[in-house]
C-alpha atoms as a PDB file:
ATOM      1  CA  UNK A   1     -32.606 -26.803 -10.513  1.00  0.00           C
ATOM      2  CA  UNK A   2     -30.984 -26.914  -7.228  1.00  0.00           C
ATOM      3  CA  UNK A   3     -28.466 -24.738  -5.957  1.00  0.00           C
ATOM      4  CA  UNK A   4     -26.094 -27.371  -6.835  1.00  0.00           C
ATOM      5  CA  UNK A   5     -26.785 -27.592 -10.411  1.00  0.00           C
ATOM      6  CA  UNK A   6     -26.787 -23.707 -10.529  1.00  0.00           C
ATOM      7  CA  UNK A   7     -23.273 -23.315  -9.366  1.00  0.00           C
ATOM      8  CA  UNK A   8     -22.089 -26.136 -11.403  1.00  0.00           C
ATOM      9  CA  UNK A   9     -23.410 -24.104 -14.795  1.00  0.00           C
ATOM     10  CA  UNK A  10     -20.572 -22.889 -16.692  1.00  0.00           C
ATOM     11  CA  UNK A  11     -22.034 -19.780 -18.015  1.00  0.00           C
ATOM     12  CA  UNK A  12     -23.211 -18.681 -14.603  1.00  0.00           C
ATOM     13  CA  UNK A  13     -20.098 -19.429 -13.062  1.00  0.00           C
ATOM     14  CA  UNK A  14     -18.670 -17.227 -15.437  1.00  0.00           C
ATOM     15  CA  UNK A  15     -20.711 -14.641 -14.874  1.00  0.00           C
ATOM     16  CA  UNK A  16     -20.269 -14.914 -11.114  1.00  0.00           C
ATOM     17  CA  UNK A  17     -16.497 -15.096 -11.157  1.00  0.00           C
ATOM     18  CA  UNK A  18     -16.655 -11.760 -13.074  1.00  0.00           C
ATOM     19  CA  UNK A  19     -18.666 -10.181 -10.892  1.00  0.00           C
ATOM     20  CA  UNK A  20     -16.400 -10.953  -7.683  1.00  0.00           C
ATOM     21  CA  UNK A  21     -12.874 -10.221  -9.256  1.00  0.00           C
ATOM     22  CA  UNK A  22     -14.821  -6.737 -10.818  1.00  0.00           C
ATOM     23  CA  UNK A  23     -15.918  -6.061  -6.676  1.00  0.00           C
ATOM     24  CA  UNK A  24     -12.353  -7.157  -5.849  1.00  0.00           C
ATOM     25  CA  UNK A  25     -10.598  -4.589  -8.210  1.00  0.00           C
ATOM     26  CA  UNK A  26     -12.816  -1.710  -7.590  1.00  0.00           C
ATOM     27  CA  UNK A  27     -12.717  -2.147  -3.804  1.00  0.00           C
ATOM     28  CA  UNK A  28      -8.706  -2.336  -4.192  1.00  0.00           C
ATOM     29  CA  UNK A  29      -8.449   0.706  -6.531  1.00  0.00           C
ATOM     30  CA  UNK A  30     -10.879   3.039  -4.519  1.00  0.00           C
ATOM     31  CA  UNK A  31      -9.020   1.919  -1.594  1.00  0.00           C
ATOM     32  CA  UNK A  32      -5.787   2.871  -3.012  1.00  0.00           C
ATOM     33  CA  UNK A  33      -7.294   6.249  -3.865  1.00  0.00           C
ATOM     34  CA  UNK A  34      -8.578   6.543  -0.762  1.00  0.00           C
ATOM     35  CA  UNK A  35      -5.374   6.258   1.073  1.00  0.00           C
ATOM     36  CA  UNK A  36      -3.290   8.705  -0.903  1.00  0.00           C
ATOM     37  CA  UNK A  37      -6.089  11.430  -0.952  1.00  0.00           C
ATOM     38  CA  UNK A  38      -6.328  10.956   3.193  1.00  0.00           C
ATOM     39  CA  UNK A  39      -2.466  11.603   2.993  1.00  0.00           C
ATOM     40  CA  UNK A  40      -2.478  14.605   0.903  1.00  0.00           C
ATOM     41  CA  UNK A  41      -5.678  15.928   2.771  1.00  0.00           C
ATOM     42  CA  UNK A  42      -3.941  15.384   6.157  1.00  0.00           C
ATOM     43  CA  UNK A  43      -0.633  17.501   4.809  1.00  0.00           C
ATOM     44  CA  UNK A  44      -2.526  20.314   3.353  1.00  0.00           C
ATOM     45  CA  UNK A  45      -4.927  20.376   6.366  1.00  0.00           C
ATOM     46  CA  UNK A  46      -1.573  21.701   8.640  1.00  0.00           C
ATOM     47  CA  UNK A  47      -1.339  24.760   6.537  1.00  0.00           C
ATOM     48  CA  UNK A  48      -3.196  27.946   6.939  1.00  0.00           C
ATOM     49  CA  UNK A  49      -3.723  30.961   4.661  1.00  0.00           C
ATOM     50  CA  UNK A  50      -1.396  33.581   6.881  1.00  0.00           C
ATOM     51  CA  UNK A  51       1.584  31.215   7.154  1.00  0.00           C
ATOM     52  CA  UNK A  52       1.650  30.045   3.332  1.00  0.00           C
ATOM     53  CA  UNK A  53       4.375  32.480   2.804  1.00  0.00           C
ATOM     54  CA  UNK A  54       6.618  31.580   5.232  1.00  0.00           C
ATOM     55  CA  UNK A  55       6.047  27.574   4.907  1.00  0.00           C
ATOM     56  CA  UNK A  56       5.559  27.400   1.020  1.00  0.00           C
ATOM     57  CA  UNK A  57       8.837  25.836   0.700  1.00  0.00           C
ATOM     58  CA  UNK A  58       7.679  22.933   2.831  1.00  0.00           C
ATOM     59  CA  UNK A  59       4.628  22.470   0.685  1.00  0.00           C
ATOM     60  CA  UNK A  60       6.471  22.539  -2.444  1.00  0.00           C
ATOM     61  CA  UNK A  61       8.806  20.016  -1.233  1.00  0.00           C
ATOM     62  CA  UNK A  62       6.447  17.604   0.129  1.00  0.00           C
ATOM     63  CA  UNK A  63       4.460  17.898  -2.900  1.00  0.00           C
ATOM     64  CA  UNK A  64       7.000  17.562  -5.573  1.00  0.00           C
ATOM     65  CA  UNK A  65       8.168  13.976  -3.434  1.00  0.00           C
ATOM     66  CA  UNK A  66       4.611  12.656  -3.716  1.00  0.00           C
ATOM     67  CA  UNK A  67       4.530  10.945  -6.922  1.00  0.00           C
ATOM     68  CA  UNK A  68       0.680  10.728  -6.872  1.00  0.00           C
ATOM     69  CA  UNK A  69       0.000  14.707  -7.036  1.00  0.00           C
ATOM     70  CA  UNK A  70       3.893  15.858  -8.412  1.00  0.00           C
ATOM     71  CA  UNK A  71       2.631  16.579 -12.184  1.00  0.00           C
ATOM     72  CA  UNK A  72      -0.646  18.117 -10.737  1.00  0.00           C
ATOM     73  CA  UNK A  73       1.620  20.486  -8.486  1.00  0.00           C
ATOM     74  CA  UNK A  74       3.797  21.687 -11.102  1.00  0.00           C
ATOM     75  CA  UNK A  75       1.194  22.804 -13.419  1.00  0.00           C
ATOM     76  CA  UNK A  76      -0.928  24.409 -10.449  1.00  0.00           C
ATOM     77  CA  UNK A  77       2.455  26.103  -9.057  1.00  0.00           C
ATOM     78  CA  UNK A  78       3.061  28.080 -12.401  1.00  0.00           C
ATOM     79  CA  UNK A  79      -0.404  29.904 -11.640  1.00  0.00           C
ATOM     80  CA  UNK A  80       0.434  31.226  -8.308  1.00  0.00           C
ATOM     81  CA  UNK A  81       1.522  34.820  -7.383  1.00  0.00           C
ATOM     82  CA  UNK A  82       3.467  35.573  -4.474  1.00  0.00           C
ATOM     83  CA  UNK A  83       3.269  38.782  -2.379  1.00  0.00           C
ATOM     84  CA  UNK A  84       6.608  40.241  -3.574  1.00  0.00           C
ATOM     85  CA  UNK A  85       8.247  43.114  -1.044  1.00  0.00           C
ATOM     86  CA  UNK A  86      11.241  45.501  -1.601  1.00  0.00           C
ATOM     87  CA  UNK A  87      13.648  46.635   0.953  1.00  0.00           C
ATOM     88  CA  UNK A  88      13.939  50.157   1.830  1.00  0.00           C
ATOM     89  CA  UNK A  89      17.115  51.530   3.456  1.00  0.00           C
ATOM     90  CA  UNK A  90      16.068  53.782   6.419  1.00  0.00           C
ATOM     91  CA  UNK A  91      19.604  54.560   7.976  1.00  0.00           C
ATOM     92  CA  UNK A  92      21.404  51.337   8.956  1.00  0.00           C
ATOM     93  CA  UNK A  93      17.864  49.629   9.118  1.00  0.00           C
ATOM     94  CA  UNK A  94      15.763  48.086   6.472  1.00  0.00           C
ATOM     95  CA  UNK A  95      12.135  48.327   5.900  1.00  0.00           C
ATOM     96  CA  UNK A  96       9.879  46.117   3.487  1.00  0.00           C
ATOM     97  CA  UNK A  97       7.484  47.145   1.918  1.00  0.00           C
ATOM     98  CA  UNK A  98       4.777  45.319  -0.501  1.00  0.00           C
ATOM     99  CA  UNK A  99       4.718  46.025  -3.994  1.00  0.00           C
ATOM    100  CA  UNK A 100       0.957  45.352  -4.040  1.00  0.00           C
ATOM    101  CA  UNK A 101      -1.173  46.380  -1.468  1.00  0.00           C
ATOM    102  CA  UNK A 102      -3.861  43.732  -2.130  1.00  0.00           C
ATOM    103  CA  UNK A 103      -1.289  40.385  -2.547  1.00  0.00           C
ATOM    104  CA  UNK A 104      -0.721  39.957   0.922  1.00  0.00           C
ATOM    105  CA  UNK A 105      -0.473  35.966   0.545  1.00  0.00           C
ATOM    106  CA  UNK A 106      -0.163  33.485  -2.024  1.00  0.00           C
ATOM    107  CA  UNK A 107      -2.687  33.742  -4.512  1.00  0.00           C
ATOM    108  CA  UNK A 108      -3.540  32.063  -7.741  1.00  0.00           C
ATOM    109  CA  UNK A 109      -4.513  33.172 -10.918  1.00  0.00           C
ATOM    110  CA  UNK A 110      -6.632  29.950 -11.851  1.00  0.00           C
ATOM    111  CA  UNK A 111      -9.280  28.272  -9.583  1.00  0.00           C
ATOM    112  CA  UNK A 112      -7.476  25.478  -7.878  1.00  0.00           C
ATOM    113  CA  UNK A 113     -10.724  22.936  -8.794  1.00  0.00           C
ATOM    114  CA  UNK A 114      -9.248  23.497 -12.621  1.00  0.00           C
ATOM    115  CA  UNK A 115      -5.905  21.259 -11.547  1.00  0.00           C
ATOM    116  CA  UNK A 116      -7.206  19.238  -8.632  1.00  0.00           C
ATOM    117  CA  UNK A 117     -10.639  17.619 -10.214  1.00  0.00           C
ATOM    118  CA  UNK A 118     -12.103  14.438 -10.040  1.00  0.00           C
ATOM    119  CA  UNK A 119     -10.033  13.424 -13.357  1.00  0.00           C
ATOM    120  CA  UNK A 120      -6.949  14.340 -12.041  1.00  0.00           C
ATOM    121  CA  UNK A 121      -6.796  12.941  -8.731  1.00  0.00           C
ATOM    122  CA  UNK A 122      -9.346   9.806  -8.903  1.00  0.00           C
ATOM    123  CA  UNK A 123     -10.046   8.600 -12.406  1.00  0.00           C
ATOM    124  CA  UNK A 124      -6.713   9.423 -13.987  1.00  0.00           C
ATOM    125  CA  UNK A 125      -5.137   6.833 -11.178  1.00  0.00           C
ATOM    126  CA  UNK A 126      -6.726   3.315 -12.307  1.00  0.00           C
ATOM    127  CA  UNK A 127      -8.432   1.946 -15.468  1.00  0.00           C
ATOM    128  CA  UNK A 128     -11.800   3.990 -14.944  1.00  0.00           C
ATOM    129  CA  UNK A 129     -12.826   3.127 -17.965  1.00  0.00           C
ATOM    130  CA  UNK A 130     -12.893  -0.521 -17.412  1.00  0.00           C
ATOM    131  CA  UNK A 131     -14.890  -0.074 -13.881  1.00  0.00           C
ATOM    132  CA  UNK A 132     -17.650   1.673 -15.671  1.00  0.00           C
ATOM    133  CA  UNK A 133     -17.659  -0.832 -18.523  1.00  0.00           C
ATOM    134  CA  UNK A 134     -18.145  -3.655 -15.873  1.00  0.00           C
ATOM    135  CA  UNK A 135     -21.801  -3.415 -15.777  1.00  0.00           C
ATOM    136  CA  UNK A 136     -22.157  -3.555 -19.187  1.00  0.00           C
ATOM    137  CA  UNK A 137     -20.164  -6.638 -19.771  1.00  0.00           C
ATOM    138  CA  UNK A 138     -22.080  -8.140 -17.054  1.00  0.00           C
ATOM    139  CA  UNK A 139     -25.526  -7.468 -18.633  1.00  0.00           C
ATOM    140  CA  UNK A 140     -23.961  -8.447 -21.848  1.00  0.00           C
ATOM    141  CA  UNK A 141     -23.136 -12.019 -20.339  1.00  0.00           C
ATOM    142  CA  UNK A 142     -26.700 -12.270 -19.910  1.00  0.00           C
ATOM    143  CA  UNK A 143     -28.158 -12.549 -23.544  1.00  0.00           C
ATOM    144  CA  UNK A 144     -24.741 -14.143 -24.981  1.00  0.00           C
ATOM    145  CA  UNK A 145     -25.226 -17.237 -22.670  1.00  0.00           C
ATOM    146  CA  UNK A 146     -29.151 -17.322 -22.742  1.00  0.00           C
ATOM    147  CA  UNK A 147     -29.253 -17.514 -26.692  1.00  0.00           C
ATOM    148  CA  UNK A 148     -26.137 -19.733 -26.731  1.00  0.00           C
ATOM    149  CA  UNK A 149     -27.817 -22.400 -24.337  1.00  0.00           C
ATOM    150  CA  UNK A 150     -30.943 -22.171 -26.199  1.00  0.00           C
ATOM    151  CA  UNK A 151     -29.222 -23.110 -29.396  1.00  0.00           C
ATOM    152  CA  UNK A 152     -27.424 -25.908 -27.755  1.00  0.00           C
ATOM    153  CA  UNK A 153     -30.715 -26.807 -26.243  1.00  0.00           C
ATOM    154  CA  UNK A 154     -32.586 -26.649 -29.577  1.00  0.00           C
ATOM    155  CA  UNK A 155     -29.614 -28.721 -31.290  1.00  0.00           C
ATOM    156  CA  UNK A 156     -30.530 -31.612 -28.680  1.00  0.00           C
ATOM    157  CA  UNK A 157     -33.822 -32.321 -29.369  1.00  0.00           C
ATOM    158  CA  UNK A 158     -34.322 -35.656 -31.058  1.00  0.00           C
ATOM    159  CA  UNK A 159     -37.603 -37.032 -32.927  1.00  0.00           C
ATOM    160  CA  UNK A 160     -36.464 -40.209 -34.307  1.00  0.00           C
ATOM    161  CA  UNK A 161     -38.236 -42.034 -31.476  1.00  0.00           C
ATOM    162  CA  UNK A 162     -41.320 -41.367 -28.915  1.00  0.00           C
ATOM    163  CA  UNK A 163     -38.659 -42.237 -26.128  1.00  0.00           C
ATOM    164  CA  UNK A 164     -35.637 -39.730 -27.433  1.00  0.00           C
ATOM    165  CA  UNK A 165     -38.331 -37.478 -28.201  1.00  0.00           C
ATOM    166  CA  UNK A 166     -39.845 -36.966 -24.649  1.00  0.00           C
ATOM    167  CA  UNK A 167     -36.354 -37.188 -22.912  1.00  0.00           C
ATOM    168  CA  UNK A 168     -34.972 -34.621 -25.338  1.00  0.00           C
ATOM    169  CA  UNK A 169     -37.802 -32.275 -24.998  1.00  0.00           C
ATOM    170  CA  UNK A 170     -37.266 -32.669 -21.035  1.00  0.00           C
ATOM    171  CA  UNK A 171     -33.480 -31.809 -21.274  1.00  0.00           C
ATOM    172  CA  UNK A 172     -34.628 -28.885 -23.685  1.00  0.00           C
ATOM    173  CA  UNK A 173     -37.024 -27.605 -21.067  1.00  0.00           C
ATOM    174  CA  UNK A 174     -34.346 -27.928 -18.488  1.00  0.00           C
ATOM    175  CA  UNK A 175     -31.758 -25.938 -20.675  1.00  0.00           C
ATOM    176  CA  UNK A 176     -34.390 -23.157 -21.251  1.00  0.00           C
ATOM    177  CA  UNK A 177     -34.390 -23.119 -17.380  1.00  0.00           C
ATOM    178  CA  UNK A 178     -30.657 -22.717 -17.087  1.00  0.00           C
ATOM    179  CA  UNK A 179     -30.855 -20.271 -20.031  1.00  0.00           C
ATOM    180  CA  UNK A 180     -33.232 -17.865 -18.573  1.00  0.00           C
ATOM    181  CA  UNK A 181     -31.319 -18.458 -15.296  1.00  0.00           C
ATOM    182  CA  UNK A 182     -28.134 -16.890 -16.736  1.00  0.00           C
ATOM    183  CA  UNK A 183     -29.804 -13.581 -17.786  1.00  0.00           C
ATOM    184  CA  UNK A 184     -31.311 -13.089 -14.263  1.00  0.00           C
ATOM    185  CA  UNK A 185     -28.033 -13.663 -12.755  1.00  0.00           C
ATOM    186  CA  UNK A 186     -26.617 -11.509 -15.100  1.00  0.00           C
ATOM    187  CA  UNK A 187     -28.702  -8.792 -14.953  1.00  0.00           C
ATOM    188  CA  UNK A 188     -28.855  -9.253 -10.996  1.00  0.00           C
ATOM    189  CA  UNK A 189     -25.099  -8.952 -10.789  1.00  0.00           C
ATOM    190  CA  UNK A 190     -24.508  -5.919 -12.836  1.00  0.00           C
ATOM    191  CA  UNK A 191     -27.397  -4.204 -10.806  1.00  0.00           C
ATOM    192  CA  UNK A 192     -25.634  -4.946  -7.597  1.00  0.00           C
ATOM    193  CA  UNK A 193     -22.071  -4.171  -8.876  1.00  0.00           C
ATOM    194  CA  UNK A 194     -23.688  -0.800  -9.770  1.00  0.00           C
ATOM    195  CA  UNK A 195     -24.676   0.189  -6.242  1.00  0.00           C
ATOM    196  CA  UNK A 196     -21.799  -1.238  -4.729  1.00  0.00           C
ATOM    197  CA  UNK A 197     -19.516   0.923  -7.043  1.00  0.00           C
ATOM    198  CA  UNK A 198     -21.517   3.946  -6.190  1.00  0.00           C
ATOM    199  CA  UNK A 199     -21.600   3.873  -2.707  1.00  0.00           C
ATOM    200  CA  UNK A 200     -17.738   2.943  -2.596  1.00  0.00           C
ATOM    201  CA  UNK A 201     -16.560   5.746  -4.839  1.00  0.00           C
ATOM    202  CA  UNK A 202     -18.836   7.977  -2.980  1.00  0.00           C
ATOM    203  CA  UNK A 203     -17.500   7.275   0.564  1.00  0.00           C
ATOM    204  CA  UNK A 204     -14.122   6.568  -0.626  1.00  0.00           C
ATOM    205  CA  UNK A 205     -12.960   9.056  -3.413  1.00  0.00           C
ATOM    206  CA  UNK A 206     -15.547  11.993  -3.839  1.00  0.00           C
ATOM    207  CA  UNK A 207     -15.546  12.606  -0.157  1.00  0.00           C
ATOM    208  CA  UNK A 208     -11.786  13.134   0.321  1.00  0.00           C
ATOM    209  CA  UNK A 209     -11.605  14.794  -2.961  1.00  0.00           C
ATOM    210  CA  UNK A 210     -13.977  17.487  -1.908  1.00  0.00           C
ATOM    211  CA  UNK A 211     -12.268  18.083   1.383  1.00  0.00           C
ATOM    212  CA  UNK A 212      -8.735  18.568  -0.575  1.00  0.00           C
ATOM    213  CA  UNK A 213     -10.491  20.750  -2.990  1.00  0.00           C
ATOM    214  CA  UNK A 214     -12.095  23.145   0.230  1.00  0.00           C
ATOM    215  CA  UNK A 215      -8.844  22.889   1.821  1.00  0.00           C
ATOM    216  CA  UNK A 216      -6.803  24.618  -1.119  1.00  0.00           C
ATOM    217  CA  UNK A 217      -9.580  27.031  -2.026  1.00  0.00           C
ATOM    218  CA  UNK A 218      -9.060  28.386   1.599  1.00  0.00           C
ATOM    219  CA  UNK A 219      -5.374  28.329   1.403  1.00  0.00           C
ATOM    220  CA  UNK A 220      -4.989  30.121  -2.062  1.00  0.00           C
ATOM    221  CA  UNK A 221      -7.049  33.108  -2.817  1.00  0.00           C
ATOM    222  CA  UNK A 222      -7.907  33.546  -6.491  1.00  0.00           C
ATOM    223  CA  UNK A 223      -7.065  36.577  -7.922  1.00  0.00           C
ATOM    224  CA  UNK A 224      -7.350  37.149 -11.991  1.00  0.00           C
ATOM    225  CA  UNK A 225      -4.306  38.086 -13.848  1.00  0.00           C
ATOM    226  CA  UNK A 226      -5.818  41.537 -14.863  1.00  0.00           C
ATOM    227  CA  UNK A 227      -6.405  42.381 -11.496  1.00  0.00           C
ATOM    228  CA  UNK A 228      -2.838  41.692 -10.405  1.00  0.00           C
ATOM    229  CA  UNK A 229      -1.509  43.746 -13.281  1.00  0.00           C
ATOM    230  CA  UNK A 230      -3.713  46.581 -12.541  1.00  0.00           C
ATOM    231  CA  UNK A 231      -2.749  46.840  -9.110  1.00  0.00           C
ATOM    232  CA  UNK A 232       1.144  46.912 -10.474  1.00  0.00           C
ATOM    233  CA  UNK A 233       0.311  49.566 -12.703  1.00  0.00           C
ATOM    234  CA  UNK A 234      -1.546  51.475  -9.684  1.00  0.00           C
ATOM    235  CA  UNK A 235       1.534  50.925  -7.447  1.00  0.00           C
ATOM    236  CA  UNK A 236       3.906  52.022 -10.318  1.00  0.00           C
ATOM    237  CA  UNK A 237       2.070  55.298 -10.843  1.00  0.00           C
ATOM    238  CA  UNK A 238       2.017  56.011  -7.205  1.00  0.00           C
ATOM    239  CA  UNK A 239       5.790  55.233  -6.919  1.00  0.00           C
ATOM    240  CA  UNK A 240       6.521  57.639 -10.279  1.00  0.00           C
ATOM    241  CA  UNK A 241       4.056  60.188  -8.697  1.00  0.00           C
ATOM    242  CA  UNK A 242       6.238  60.315  -5.611  1.00  0.00           C
ATOM    243  CA  UNK A 243       9.429  60.234  -7.208  1.00  0.00           C
ATOM    244  CA  UNK A 244       8.447  63.097  -9.549  1.00  0.00           C
ATOM    245  CA  UNK A 245       7.556  65.533  -6.610  1.00  0.00           C
ATOM    246  CA  UNK A 246      10.738  64.335  -4.855  1.00  0.00           C
ATOM    247  CA  UNK A 247      12.624  65.643  -8.113  1.00  0.00           C
ATOM    248  CA  UNK A 248      10.582  68.680  -8.151  1.00  0.00           C
ATOM    249  CA  UNK A 249      10.965  69.983  -4.560  1.00  0.00           C
ATOM    250  CA  UNK A 250      14.848  68.940  -4.549  1.00  0.00           C
ATOM    251  CA  UNK A 251      16.207  72.404  -5.723  1.00  0.00           C
ATOM    252  CA  UNK A 252      14.346  73.998  -3.071  1.00  0.00           C
ATOM    253  CA  UNK A 253      15.506  71.514  -0.367  1.00  0.00           C
ATOM    254  CA  UNK A 254      18.808  71.723  -1.958  1.00  0.00           C
ATOM    255  CA  UNK A 255      19.079  75.892  -1.399  1.00  0.00           C
ATOM    256  CA  UNK A 256      17.651  75.655   2.035  1.00  0.00           C
ATOM    257  CA  UNK A 257      19.789  72.953   3.203  1.00  0.00           C
ATOM    258  CA  UNK A 258      23.061  75.163   1.415  1.00  0.00           C
ATOM    259  CA  UNK A 259      22.091  78.311   3.265  1.00  0.00           C
ATOM    260  CA  UNK A 260      21.455  76.412   6.323  1.00  0.00           C
ATOM    261  CA  UNK A 261      24.558  74.826   5.913  1.00  0.00           C
ATOM    262  CA  UNK A 262      26.637  78.145   5.149  1.00  0.00           C
ATOM    263  CA  UNK A 263      24.747  79.865   7.966  1.00  0.00           C
ATOM    264  CA  UNK A 264      25.852  77.122  10.484  1.00  0.00           C
ATOM    265  CA  UNK A 265      29.304  76.381   9.440  1.00  0.00           C
ATOM    266  CA  UNK A 266      30.926  79.072   7.139  1.00  0.00           C
ATOM    267  CA  UNK A 267      29.852  82.224   8.826  1.00  0.00           C
ATOM    268  CA  UNK A 268      30.868  81.484  11.850  1.00  0.00           C
ATOM    269  CA  UNK A 269      34.693  80.569  10.642  1.00  0.00           C
ATOM    270  CA  UNK A 270      34.699  83.722   8.254  1.00  0.00           C
ATOM    271  CA  UNK A 271      33.554  85.785  11.694  1.00  0.00           C
ATOM    272  CA  UNK A 272      36.694  84.075  13.668  1.00  0.00           C
ATOM    273  CA  UNK A 273      38.996  84.544  10.793  1.00  0.00           C
ATOM    274  CA  UNK A 274      37.976  88.580  10.588  1.00  0.00           C
ATOM    275  CA  UNK A 275      38.143  88.714  14.361  1.00  0.00           C
ATOM    276  CA  UNK A 276      41.725  87.145  14.110  1.00  0.00           C
ATOM    277  CA  UNK A 277      42.986  89.612  11.503  1.00  0.00           C
ATOM    278  CA  UNK A 278      41.455  92.309  13.798  1.00  0.00           C
ATOM    279  CA  UNK A 279      43.505  91.044  16.541  1.00  0.00           C
ATOM    280  CA  UNK A 280      46.676  90.640  14.608  1.00  0.00           C
ATOM    281  CA  UNK A 281      46.370  94.359  13.050  1.00  0.00           C
ATOM    282  CA  UNK A 282      45.878  95.591  16.617  1.00  0.00           C
ATOM    283  CA  UNK A 283      48.929  93.788  18.512  1.00  0.00           C
ATOM    284  CA  UNK A 284      50.998  95.296  15.116  1.00  0.00           C
ATOM    285  CA  UNK A 285      49.869  98.653  15.610  1.00  0.00           C
ATOM    286  CA  UNK A 286      51.092  98.438  19.570  1.00  0.00           C
ATOM    287  CA  UNK A 287      54.444  97.313  18.351  1.00  0.00           C
ATOM    288  CA  UNK A 288      54.964  99.752  16.266  1.00  0.00           C
ATOM    289  CA  UNK A 289      54.020 102.510  18.180  1.00  0.00           C
ATOM    290  CA  UNK A 290      56.248 100.963  20.725  1.00  0.00           C
ATOM    291  CA  UNK A 291      59.050 100.898  18.189  1.00  0.00           C
ATOM    292  CA  UNK A 292      58.183 104.253  16.606  1.00  0.00           C
ATOM    293  CA  UNK A 293      57.717 103.129  13.036  1.00  0.00           C
ATOM    294  CA  UNK A 294      53.728 103.622  13.332  1.00  0.00           C
ATOM    295  CA  UNK A 295      53.573 105.231   9.985  1.00  0.00           C
ATOM    296  CA  UNK A 296      54.931 102.723   8.114  1.00  0.00           C
ATOM    297  CA  UNK A 297      53.083  99.793   9.748  1.00  0.00           C
ATOM    298  CA  UNK A 298      49.765 101.984   9.086  1.00  0.00           C
ATOM    299  CA  UNK A 299      50.552 102.387   5.792  1.00  0.00           C
ATOM    300  CA  UNK A 300      50.671  98.372   5.381  1.00  0.00           C
ATOM    301  CA  UNK A 301      47.111  98.107   6.546  1.00  0.00           C
END
């Protein structure tokens, strides 16, 4: 058989056409995934853990607007723990104090790899089962068409006359050769497809996925929910102890402040009042002496 006869054989054409369409579908899907993963990785690379607190709204808006990752981001966002702070007034100024001393950035109670895994970002974005089943289909074409051509070849044998027998046996041998060639083409196509699929998947999908996972791991530090609750409990105990100490020392501080206020304001006022009364008494005595009624005035005081 020459190449013209090989490529004009319908079973071989079916195998080759299936192989080419499968390769095209595989490349198209992998390129689409690679495009989206690169866009996500490029965006995430612009963030640092230190400024994530201030730029989280920017990241959240972009993630929610990207349909490729929006649903995954919503689930992941529910696991985030933010560095909460309280405002304490100091005179006319406000000071901000962190609730927990260990939570200084955006942290997650679940490993990002649990959400941003291979299934969520790659295999669920196209018919991955079909891609994985194509080698089996190609391999199955081999025995299917082989036995079909063998059956057809046996049906063409004619022993009615010597000439027909010779011609039919020659056609039978040609058919057997074609049947064997179908299996060779089918198995070869399956092996080539597997090789191309593995190389493209590793290059276009696995590598950018690994970069995204590494960047997310660097951005969001992992913290268990139990540890965070323990930190809140510890901070609450510290604040309760401070409040108890403040209440315990408040009477003493109030007494000291009251004594200082009385000594600083009320005592000088009373001293001035007594001094004024003494001066008034002195003046009235002088007036009484001048008018001769000193005894009545003295009796009044």
